[in-house]
Amino acid sequence: MRSNQKDKKKSPRSAEEKKYLRTRLNTIEGQIKGISRMVDEDKHCDDILIQLSAVSKSIKSLSADILKGYFSDYVIKDIKNNKIEVIDDIMELNR
């Protein structure tokens, strides 16, 4: 996204969407706290790596859900309305 517009943009979400995202984020937060405890308790590396992999998959899944919403709510509409600068915004997501 262009830096001068980043702070102005918002993505209104329904209460249901927020609840879903918050639940997913709370799960990820719990996973990370669990990994931290595992380190403190000197758990074996392979056990920690398994949990790190689970967190990574959770984050990727949540990212995919948010990206799907972004495309369906904004990108498609912008392209249909010939607002091709949305392509620049998409390219910024990959940096």
Protein backbone atom coordinates (compact mmCIF):
# COMPACT_ATOMS: atom_id res chain seq x y z
CA MET A 1 0.00 0.00 0.00
CA ARG A 2 1.14 3.48 -0.63
CA SER A 3 2.54 4.84 2.64
CA ASN A 4 0.42 8.00 2.70
CA GLN A 5 -2.76 5.91 2.54
CA LYS A 6 -1.77 3.11 4.94
CA ASP A 7 -2.93 4.87 8.08
CA LYS A 8 -6.20 6.04 6.52
CA LYS A 9 -7.37 2.67 5.22
CA LYS A 10 -9.65 0.53 7.30
CA SER A 11 -11.31 -2.82 6.76
CA PRO A 12 -14.67 -2.83 8.48
CA ARG A 13 -15.54 -6.32 9.68
CA SER A 14 -18.73 -7.78 11.00
CA ALA A 15 -18.94 -8.86 14.62
CA GLU A 16 -18.91 -12.46 13.39
CA GLU A 17 -15.72 -11.91 11.36
CA LYS A 18 -14.02 -10.21 14.30
CA LYS A 19 -15.00 -13.04 16.61
CA TYR A 20 -13.61 -15.60 14.14
CA LEU A 21 -10.32 -13.70 13.71
CA ARG A 22 -9.96 -13.06 17.45
CA THR A 23 -10.51 -16.77 18.18
CA ARG A 24 -7.85 -17.73 15.65
CA LEU A 25 -5.42 -15.13 17.03
CA ASN A 26 -6.04 -16.28 20.61
CA THR A 27 -5.27 -19.85 19.54
CA ILE A 28 -2.00 -18.75 17.94
CA GLU A 29 -1.12 -16.71 21.02
CA GLY A 30 -1.75 -19.76 23.20
CA GLN A 31 0.45 -21.90 20.96
CA ILE A 32 3.29 -19.40 21.23
CA LYS A 33 2.97 -19.18 25.01
CA GLY A 34 3.08 -22.97 25.11
CA ILE A 35 6.28 -22.98 23.11
CA SER A 36 7.79 -20.45 25.48
CA ARG A 37 6.94 -22.73 28.42
CA MET A 38 8.48 -25.66 26.56
CA VAL A 39 11.74 -23.71 26.23
CA ASP A 40 11.66 -22.78 29.93
CA GLU A 41 11.08 -26.44 30.81
CA ASP A 42 13.94 -27.63 28.59
CA LYS A 43 11.66 -29.71 26.38
CA HIS A 44 13.29 -31.66 23.58
CA CYS A 45 14.02 -29.79 20.36
CA ASP A 46 11.85 -32.05 18.21
CA ASP A 47 8.83 -31.36 20.41
CA ILE A 48 9.41 -27.62 20.13
CA LEU A 49 9.91 -27.86 16.36
CA ILE A 50 6.60 -29.71 16.01
CA GLN A 51 4.83 -26.93 17.88
CA LEU A 52 6.60 -24.25 15.84
CA SER A 53 5.43 -25.98 12.69
CA ALA A 54 1.86 -25.97 14.03
CA VAL A 55 2.08 -22.23 14.74
CA SER A 56 3.47 -21.59 11.28
CA LYS A 57 0.58 -23.49 9.70
CA SER A 58 -1.93 -21.61 11.85
CA ILE A 59 -0.49 -18.25 10.80
CA LYS A 60 -0.42 -19.24 7.12
CA SER A 61 -4.02 -20.40 7.31
CA LEU A 62 -5.13 -17.17 8.98
CA SER A 63 -3.18 -15.14 6.41
CA ALA A 64 -4.93 -17.03 3.61
CA ASP A 65 -8.33 -16.30 5.15
CA ILE A 66 -7.57 -12.58 5.45
CA LEU A 67 -6.14 -12.47 1.92
CA LYS A 68 -9.26 -14.16 0.56
CA GLY A 69 -11.39 -11.48 2.22
CA TYR A 70 -9.13 -8.75 0.88
CA PHE A 71 -9.49 -10.00 -2.67
CA SER A 72 -13.22 -10.56 -2.49
CA ASP A 73 -14.00 -7.30 -0.67
CA TYR A 74 -11.58 -4.88 -2.32
CA VAL A 75 -9.39 -6.08 -5.15
CA ILE A 76 -12.13 -7.43 -7.41
CA LYS A 77 -14.26 -4.30 -6.93
CA ASP A 78 -11.31 -2.00 -7.63
CA ILE A 79 -10.36 -3.84 -10.80
CA LYS A 80 -13.98 -3.77 -12.01
CA ASN A 81 -13.98 -0.01 -11.39
CA ASN A 82 -10.71 0.40 -13.32
CA LYS A 83 -8.77 1.33 -10.18
CA ILE A 84 -5.70 -0.53 -11.31
CA GLU A 85 -3.50 1.07 -8.62
CA VAL A 86 -4.76 -1.79 -6.47
CA ILE A 87 -2.12 -3.86 -8.31
CA ASP A 88 0.56 -1.74 -6.58
CA ASP A 89 -1.07 -2.52 -3.24
CA ILE A 90 -0.99 -6.23 -4.01
CA MET A 91 2.68 -6.05 -4.97
CA GLU A 92 3.45 -4.37 -1.64
CA LEU A 93 1.97 -7.36 0.20
CA ASN A 94 4.80 -9.52 -1.09
CA ARG A 95 7.59 -7.30 0.29
